[in-house]
PDB file of N, CA and C in Angstrom:
ATOM      1  N   MET A   1      -7.293   5.761   9.909  1.00  0.00           N
ATOM      2  CA  MET A   1      -6.950   4.486  10.526  1.00  0.00           C
ATOM      3  C   MET A   1      -6.186   4.776  11.802  1.00  0.00           C
ATOM      4  N   GLY A   2      -6.888   5.150  12.844  1.00  0.00           N
ATOM      5  CA  GLY A   2      -6.260   5.406  14.124  1.00  0.00           C
ATOM      6  C   GLY A   2      -5.188   6.486  14.081  1.00  0.00           C
ATOM      7  N   GLY A   3      -5.360   7.478  13.212  1.00  0.00           N
ATOM      8  CA  GLY A   3      -4.381   8.543  13.094  1.00  0.00           C
ATOM      9  C   GLY A   3      -3.210   8.227  12.186  1.00  0.00           C
ATOM     10  N   GLN A   4      -3.125   7.014  11.700  1.00  0.00           N
ATOM     11  CA  GLN A   4      -2.043   6.600  10.805  1.00  0.00           C
ATOM     12  C   GLN A   4      -2.586   6.479   9.392  1.00  0.00           C
ATOM     13  N   ALA A   5      -1.895   7.084   8.431  1.00  0.00           N
ATOM     14  CA  ALA A   5      -2.347   7.018   7.041  1.00  0.00           C
ATOM     15  C   ALA A   5      -2.194   5.606   6.487  1.00  0.00           C
ATOM     16  N   ILE A   6      -3.173   5.170   5.723  1.00  0.00           N
ATOM     17  CA  ILE A   6      -3.108   3.880   5.039  1.00  0.00           C
ATOM     18  C   ILE A   6      -2.000   3.941   3.995  1.00  0.00           C
ATOM     19  N   THR A   7      -1.287   2.858   3.834  1.00  0.00           N
ATOM     20  CA  THR A   7      -0.175   2.821   2.897  1.00  0.00           C
ATOM     21  C   THR A   7      -0.638   2.405   1.510  1.00  0.00           C
ATOM     22  N   ALA A   8      -0.264   3.208   0.525  1.00  0.00           N
ATOM     23  CA  ALA A   8      -0.455   2.855  -0.887  1.00  0.00           C
ATOM     24  C   ALA A   8       0.889   2.323  -1.375  1.00  0.00           C
ATOM     25  N   PHE A   9       0.928   1.063  -1.694  1.00  0.00           N
ATOM     26  CA  PHE A   9       2.150   0.424  -2.173  1.00  0.00           C
ATOM     27  C   PHE A   9       2.224   0.622  -3.689  1.00  0.00           C
ATOM     28  N   ILE A  10       3.329   1.187  -4.175  1.00  0.00           N
ATOM     29  CA  ILE A  10       3.463   1.551  -5.580  1.00  0.00           C
ATOM     30  C   ILE A  10       4.598   0.750  -6.209  1.00  0.00           C
ATOM     31  N   ALA A  11       4.313   0.118  -7.345  1.00  0.00           N
ATOM     32  CA  ALA A  11       5.329  -0.630  -8.095  1.00  0.00           C
ATOM     33  C   ALA A  11       5.238  -0.242  -9.560  1.00  0.00           C
ATOM     34  N   GLY A  12       6.380  -0.172 -10.217  1.00  0.00           N
ATOM     35  CA  GLY A  12       6.353   0.134 -11.640  1.00  0.00           C
ATOM     36  C   GLY A  12       7.744   0.320 -12.205  1.00  0.00           C
ATOM     37  N   ASP A  13       7.824   0.251 -13.521  1.00  0.00           N
ATOM     38  CA  ASP A  13       9.097   0.405 -14.215  1.00  0.00           C
ATOM     39  C   ASP A  13       9.257   1.776 -14.871  1.00  0.00           C
ATOM     40  N   HIS A  14       8.212   2.581 -14.849  1.00  0.00           N
ATOM     41  CA  HIS A  14       8.257   3.909 -15.456  1.00  0.00           C
ATOM     42  C   HIS A  14       8.311   4.934 -14.326  1.00  0.00           C
ATOM     43  N   GLU A  15       9.489   5.490 -14.087  1.00  0.00           N
ATOM     44  CA  GLU A  15       9.717   6.347 -12.922  1.00  0.00           C
ATOM     45  C   GLU A  15       8.796   7.565 -12.885  1.00  0.00           C
ATOM     46  N   ALA A  16       8.606   8.235 -14.001  1.00  0.00           N
ATOM     47  CA  ALA A  16       7.744   9.422 -14.011  1.00  0.00           C
ATOM     48  C   ALA A  16       6.303   9.055 -13.665  1.00  0.00           C
ATOM     49  N   ALA A  17       5.823   7.939 -14.190  1.00  0.00           N
ATOM     50  CA  ALA A  17       4.456   7.499 -13.893  1.00  0.00           C
ATOM     51  C   ALA A  17       4.323   7.138 -12.418  1.00  0.00           C
ATOM     52  N   LYS A  18       5.334   6.464 -11.876  1.00  0.00           N
ATOM     53  CA  LYS A  18       5.303   6.122 -10.455  1.00  0.00           C
ATOM     54  C   LYS A  18       5.233   7.377  -9.592  1.00  0.00           C
ATOM     55  N   GLN A  19       6.001   8.386  -9.951  1.00  0.00           N
ATOM     56  CA  GLN A  19       6.001   9.621  -9.171  1.00  0.00           C
ATOM     57  C   GLN A  19       4.637  10.305  -9.219  1.00  0.00           C
ATOM     58  N   GLN A  20       3.953  10.211 -10.344  1.00  0.00           N
ATOM     59  CA  GLN A  20       2.599  10.776 -10.444  1.00  0.00           C
ATOM     60  C   GLN A  20       1.637  10.036  -9.518  1.00  0.00           C
ATOM     61  N   VAL A  21       1.740   8.717  -9.482  1.00  0.00           N
ATOM     62  CA  VAL A  21       0.860   7.916  -8.625  1.00  0.00           C
ATOM     63  C   VAL A  21       1.182   8.187  -7.152  1.00  0.00           C
ATOM     64  N   ILE A  22       2.458   8.287  -6.815  1.00  0.00           N
ATOM     65  CA  ILE A  22       2.860   8.597  -5.444  1.00  0.00           C
ATOM     66  C   ILE A  22       2.289   9.950  -5.027  1.00  0.00           C
ATOM     67  N   SER A  23       2.397  10.933  -5.895  1.00  0.00           N
ATOM     68  CA  SER A  23       1.866  12.263  -5.612  1.00  0.00           C
ATOM     69  C   SER A  23       0.355  12.228  -5.431  1.00  0.00           C
ATOM     70  N   LEU A  24      -0.342  11.512  -6.296  1.00  0.00           N
ATOM     71  CA  LEU A  24      -1.794  11.376  -6.185  1.00  0.00           C
ATOM     72  C   LEU A  24      -2.169  10.723  -4.857  1.00  0.00           C
ATOM     73  N   ALA A  25      -1.497   9.639  -4.511  1.00  0.00           N
ATOM     74  CA  ALA A  25      -1.789   8.940  -3.259  1.00  0.00           C
ATOM     75  C   ALA A  25      -1.629   9.875  -2.066  1.00  0.00           C
ATOM     76  N   ARG A  26      -0.554  10.626  -2.044  1.00  0.00           N
ATOM     77  CA  ARG A  26      -0.319  11.553  -0.934  1.00  0.00           C
ATOM     78  C   ARG A  26      -1.355  12.666  -0.912  1.00  0.00           C
ATOM     79  N   ASN A  27      -1.739  13.157  -2.076  1.00  0.00           N
ATOM     80  CA  ASN A  27      -2.729  14.238  -2.151  1.00  0.00           C
ATOM     81  C   ASN A  27      -4.098  13.826  -1.637  1.00  0.00           C
ATOM     82  N   ILE A  28      -4.426  12.550  -1.717  1.00  0.00           N
ATOM     83  CA  ILE A  28      -5.732  12.096  -1.225  1.00  0.00           C
ATOM     84  C   ILE A  28      -5.644  11.469   0.166  1.00  0.00           C
ATOM     85  N   GLY A  29      -4.473  11.621   0.818  1.00  0.00           N
ATOM     86  CA  GLY A  29      -4.377  11.240   2.215  1.00  0.00           C
ATOM     87  C   GLY A  29      -3.716   9.922   2.540  1.00  0.00           C
ATOM     88  N   TYR A  30      -3.171   9.254   1.553  1.00  0.00           N
ATOM     89  CA  TYR A  30      -2.472   8.006   1.806  1.00  0.00           C
ATOM     90  C   TYR A  30      -0.992   8.267   2.057  1.00  0.00           C
ATOM     91  N   SER A  31      -0.368   7.360   2.763  1.00  0.00           N
ATOM     92  CA  SER A  31       1.085   7.312   2.821  1.00  0.00           C
ATOM     93  C   SER A  31       1.488   6.467   1.621  1.00  0.00           C
ATOM     94  N   SER A  32       2.590   6.759   0.983  1.00  0.00           N
ATOM     95  CA  SER A  32       2.964   5.941  -0.172  1.00  0.00           C
ATOM     96  C   SER A  32       4.322   5.301   0.057  1.00  0.00           C
ATOM     97  N   LEU A  33       4.485   4.137  -0.514  1.00  0.00           N
ATOM     98  CA  LEU A  33       5.741   3.411  -0.412  1.00  0.00           C
ATOM     99  C   LEU A  33       6.089   2.865  -1.794  1.00  0.00           C
ATOM    100  N   ASP A  34       7.197   3.317  -2.325  1.00  0.00           N
ATOM    101  CA  ASP A  34       7.690   2.846  -3.618  1.00  0.00           C
ATOM    102  C   ASP A  34       8.362   1.495  -3.393  1.00  0.00           C
ATOM    103  N   THR A  35       7.753   0.449  -3.927  1.00  0.00           N
ATOM    104  CA  THR A  35       8.289  -0.908  -3.719  1.00  0.00           C
ATOM    105  C   THR A  35       9.257  -1.328  -4.818  1.00  0.00           C
ATOM    106  N   ALA A  36       9.597  -0.414  -5.686  1.00  0.00           N
ATOM    107  CA  ALA A  36      10.597  -0.612  -6.746  1.00  0.00           C
ATOM    108  C   ALA A  36       9.937  -1.037  -8.052  1.00  0.00           C
ATOM    109  N   SER A  37      10.551  -1.966  -8.742  1.00  0.00           N
ATOM    110  CA  SER A  37      10.127  -2.314 -10.101  1.00  0.00           C
ATOM    111  C   SER A  37       8.790  -3.046 -10.132  1.00  0.00           C
ATOM    112  N   LEU A  38       8.241  -3.141 -11.314  1.00  0.00           N
ATOM    113  CA  LEU A  38       6.967  -3.811 -11.512  1.00  0.00           C
ATOM    114  C   LEU A  38       6.993  -5.259 -11.035  1.00  0.00           C
ATOM    115  N   SER A  39       8.158  -5.868 -11.017  1.00  0.00           N
ATOM    116  CA  SER A  39       8.251  -7.271 -10.579  1.00  0.00           C
ATOM    117  C   SER A  39       7.803  -7.453  -9.130  1.00  0.00           C
ATOM    118  N   THR A  40       7.836  -6.386  -8.314  1.00  0.00           N
ATOM    119  CA  THR A  40       7.378  -6.527  -6.927  1.00  0.00           C
ATOM    120  C   THR A  40       5.858  -6.568  -6.822  1.00  0.00           C
ATOM    121  N   SER A  41       5.168  -6.272  -7.917  1.00  0.00           N
ATOM    122  CA  SER A  41       3.704  -6.288  -7.867  1.00  0.00           C
ATOM    123  C   SER A  41       3.159  -7.679  -7.548  1.00  0.00           C
ATOM    124  N   ARG A  42       3.923  -8.718  -7.839  1.00  0.00           N
ATOM    125  CA  ARG A  42       3.459 -10.075  -7.492  1.00  0.00           C
ATOM    126  C   ARG A  42       3.263 -10.212  -5.986  1.00  0.00           C
ATOM    127  N   TYR A  43       4.101  -9.541  -5.194  1.00  0.00           N
ATOM    128  CA  TYR A  43       3.970  -9.588  -3.739  1.00  0.00           C
ATOM    129  C   TYR A  43       2.800  -8.725  -3.275  1.00  0.00           C
ATOM    130  N   LEU A  44       2.586  -7.608  -3.958  1.00  0.00           N
ATOM    131  CA  LEU A  44       1.458  -6.748  -3.617  1.00  0.00           C
ATOM    132  C   LEU A  44       0.134  -7.445  -3.891  1.00  0.00           C
ATOM    133  N   GLU A  45       0.084  -8.212  -4.965  1.00  0.00           N
ATOM    134  CA  GLU A  45      -1.127  -8.974  -5.272  1.00  0.00           C
ATOM    135  C   GLU A  45      -1.407 -10.000  -4.180  1.00  0.00           C
ATOM    136  N   ALA A  46      -0.354 -10.638  -3.690  1.00  0.00           N
ATOM    137  CA  ALA A  46      -0.524 -11.613  -2.601  1.00  0.00           C
ATOM    138  C   ALA A  46      -1.036 -10.916  -1.334  1.00  0.00           C
ATOM    139  N   MET A  47      -0.545  -9.705  -1.072  1.00  0.00           N
ATOM    140  CA  MET A  47      -1.032  -8.948   0.087  1.00  0.00           C
ATOM    141  C   MET A  47      -2.519  -8.632  -0.060  1.00  0.00           C
ATOM    142  N   ALA A  48      -2.939  -8.311  -1.275  1.00  0.00           N
ATOM    143  CA  ALA A  48      -4.355  -8.029  -1.514  1.00  0.00           C
ATOM    144  C   ALA A  48      -5.203  -9.267  -1.246  1.00  0.00           C
ATOM    145  N   HIS A  49      -4.715 -10.415  -1.676  1.00  0.00           N
ATOM    146  CA  HIS A  49      -5.458 -11.664  -1.421  1.00  0.00           C
ATOM    147  C   HIS A  49      -5.525 -11.949   0.074  1.00  0.00           C
ATOM    148  N   LEU A  50      -4.442 -11.688   0.799  1.00  0.00           N
ATOM    149  CA  LEU A  50      -4.444 -11.871   2.251  1.00  0.00           C
ATOM    150  C   LEU A  50      -5.456 -10.934   2.898  1.00  0.00           C
ATOM    151  N   ASN A  51      -5.474  -9.697   2.478  1.00  0.00           N
ATOM    152  CA  ASN A  51      -6.418  -8.729   3.031  1.00  0.00           C
ATOM    153  C   ASN A  51      -7.866  -9.176   2.794  1.00  0.00           C
ATOM    154  N   ILE A  52      -8.160  -9.664   1.613  1.00  0.00           N
ATOM    155  CA  ILE A  52      -9.506 -10.165   1.298  1.00  0.00           C
ATOM    156  C   ILE A  52      -9.842 -11.370   2.166  1.00  0.00           C
ATOM    157  N   GLN A  53      -8.901 -12.280   2.337  1.00  0.00           N
ATOM    158  CA  GLN A  53      -9.137 -13.470   3.158  1.00  0.00           C
ATOM    159  C   GLN A  53      -9.441 -13.095   4.602  1.00  0.00           C
ATOM    160  N   ILE A  54      -8.675 -12.151   5.148  1.00  0.00           N
ATOM    161  CA  ILE A  54      -8.919 -11.718   6.528  1.00  0.00           C
ATOM    162  C   ILE A  54     -10.259 -10.999   6.629  1.00  0.00           C
ATOM    163  N   ALA A  55     -10.515 -10.097   5.703  1.00  0.00           N
ATOM    164  CA  ALA A  55     -11.720  -9.273   5.762  1.00  0.00           C
ATOM    165  C   ALA A  55     -12.997 -10.061   5.513  1.00  0.00           C
ATOM    166  N   VAL A  56     -12.987 -10.866   4.478  1.00  0.00           N
ATOM    167  CA  VAL A  56     -14.208 -11.562   4.063  1.00  0.00           C
ATOM    168  C   VAL A  56     -14.214 -13.017   4.542  1.00  0.00           C
ATOM    169  N   GLY A  57     -13.146 -13.727   4.253  1.00  0.00           N
ATOM    170  CA  GLY A  57     -13.087 -15.151   4.590  1.00  0.00           C
ATOM    171  C   GLY A  57     -13.122 -15.429   6.076  1.00  0.00           C
ATOM    172  N   GLN A  58     -12.505 -14.554   6.865  1.00  0.00           N
ATOM    173  CA  GLN A  58     -12.459 -14.764   8.308  1.00  0.00           C
ATOM    174  C   GLN A  58     -13.359 -13.804   9.078  1.00  0.00           C
ATOM    175  N   GLY A  59     -14.148 -13.030   8.335  1.00  0.00           N
ATOM    176  CA  GLY A  59     -15.117 -12.139   8.972  1.00  0.00           C
ATOM    177  C   GLY A  59     -14.509 -10.923   9.655  1.00  0.00           C
ATOM    178  N   GLY A  60     -13.320 -10.525   9.247  1.00  0.00           N
ATOM    179  CA  GLY A  60     -12.664  -9.381   9.873  1.00  0.00           C
ATOM    180  C   GLY A  60     -13.261  -8.044   9.492  1.00  0.00           C
ATOM    181  N   GLY A  61     -14.072  -8.036   8.462  1.00  0.00           N
ATOM    182  CA  GLY A  61     -14.703  -6.795   8.026  1.00  0.00           C
ATOM    183  C   GLY A  61     -13.875  -6.084   6.983  1.00  0.00           C
ATOM    184  N   THR A  62     -14.534  -5.235   6.237  1.00  0.00           N
ATOM    185  CA  THR A  62     -13.873  -4.567   5.122  1.00  0.00           C
ATOM    186  C   THR A  62     -13.344  -3.185   5.479  1.00  0.00           C
ATOM    187  N   ASN A  63     -13.477  -2.768   6.713  1.00  0.00           N
ATOM    188  CA  ASN A  63     -12.960  -1.473   7.144  1.00  0.00           C
ATOM    189  C   ASN A  63     -11.559  -1.661   7.722  1.00  0.00           C
ATOM    190  N   ALA A  64     -10.641  -2.114   6.874  1.00  0.00           N
ATOM    191  CA  ALA A  64      -9.272  -2.402   7.313  1.00  0.00           C
ATOM    192  C   ALA A  64      -8.326  -2.196   6.142  1.00  0.00           C
ATOM    193  N   ALA A  65      -7.068  -1.985   6.466  1.00  0.00           N
ATOM    194  CA  ALA A  65      -6.063  -1.787   5.422  1.00  0.00           C
ATOM    195  C   ALA A  65      -4.678  -2.038   6.011  1.00  0.00           C
ATOM    196  N   PHE A  66      -3.696  -2.187   5.134  1.00  0.00           N
ATOM    197  CA  PHE A  66      -2.321  -2.348   5.568  1.00  0.00           C
ATOM    198  C   PHE A  66      -1.690  -0.983   5.822  1.00  0.00           C
ATOM    199  N   VAL A  67      -0.929  -0.904   6.893  1.00  0.00           N
ATOM    200  CA  VAL A  67      -0.153   0.279   7.219  1.00  0.00           C
ATOM    201  C   VAL A  67       1.278  -0.181   7.431  1.00  0.00           C
ATOM    202  N   TYR A  68       2.191   0.348   6.640  1.00  0.00           N
ATOM    203  CA  TYR A  68       3.607   0.003   6.777  1.00  0.00           C
ATOM    204  C   TYR A  68       4.268   1.087   7.603  1.00  0.00           C
ATOM    205  N   LEU A  69       4.757   0.704   8.784  1.00  0.00           N
ATOM    206  CA  LEU A  69       5.435   1.640   9.665  1.00  0.00           C
ATOM    207  C   LEU A  69       6.924   1.430   9.542  1.00  0.00           C
ATOM    208  N   GLN A  70       7.651   2.521   9.402  1.00  0.00           N
ATOM    209  CA  GLN A  70       9.089   2.438   9.251  1.00  0.00           C
ATOM    210  C   GLN A  70       9.719   3.435  10.212  1.00  0.00           C
ATOM    211  N   ASN A  71      10.618   2.958  11.041  1.00  0.00           N
ATOM    212  CA  ASN A  71      11.326   3.820  11.968  1.00  0.00           C
ATOM    213  C   ASN A  71      12.462   4.504  11.215  1.00  0.00           C
ATOM    214  N   LEU A  72      12.339   5.783  11.001  1.00  0.00           N
ATOM    215  CA  LEU A  72      13.333   6.506  10.209  1.00  0.00           C
ATOM    216  C   LEU A  72      14.414   7.150  11.072  1.00  0.00           C
ATOM    217  N   THR A  73      14.356   6.950  12.365  1.00  0.00           N
ATOM    218  CA  THR A  73      15.381   7.513  13.237  1.00  0.00           C
ATOM    219  C   THR A  73      16.328   6.427  13.701  1.00  0.00           C
ATOM    220  N   ASP A  74      17.543   6.810  13.986  1.00  0.00           N
ATOM    221  CA  ASP A  74      18.542   5.838  14.472  1.00  0.00           C
ATOM    222  C   ASP A  74      18.535   5.752  15.982  1.00  0.00           C
TER     223      ASP A  74
END
């Protein structure tokens, strides 16, 4: 995606399982973002619906994804 890794948003209440998913995502080329507990998955589901609406409903195409950019420098 233009040189930027697609973000895999990870939510869950089992820390060891989350770390396995984060590791898998990174190993296959995604950037990963731990969104905290499973309760945040409701927001991730809404993001998926938005992505579908843009891609299919508005004709944006299916070759798209969310990328979360975070400035880690002060």
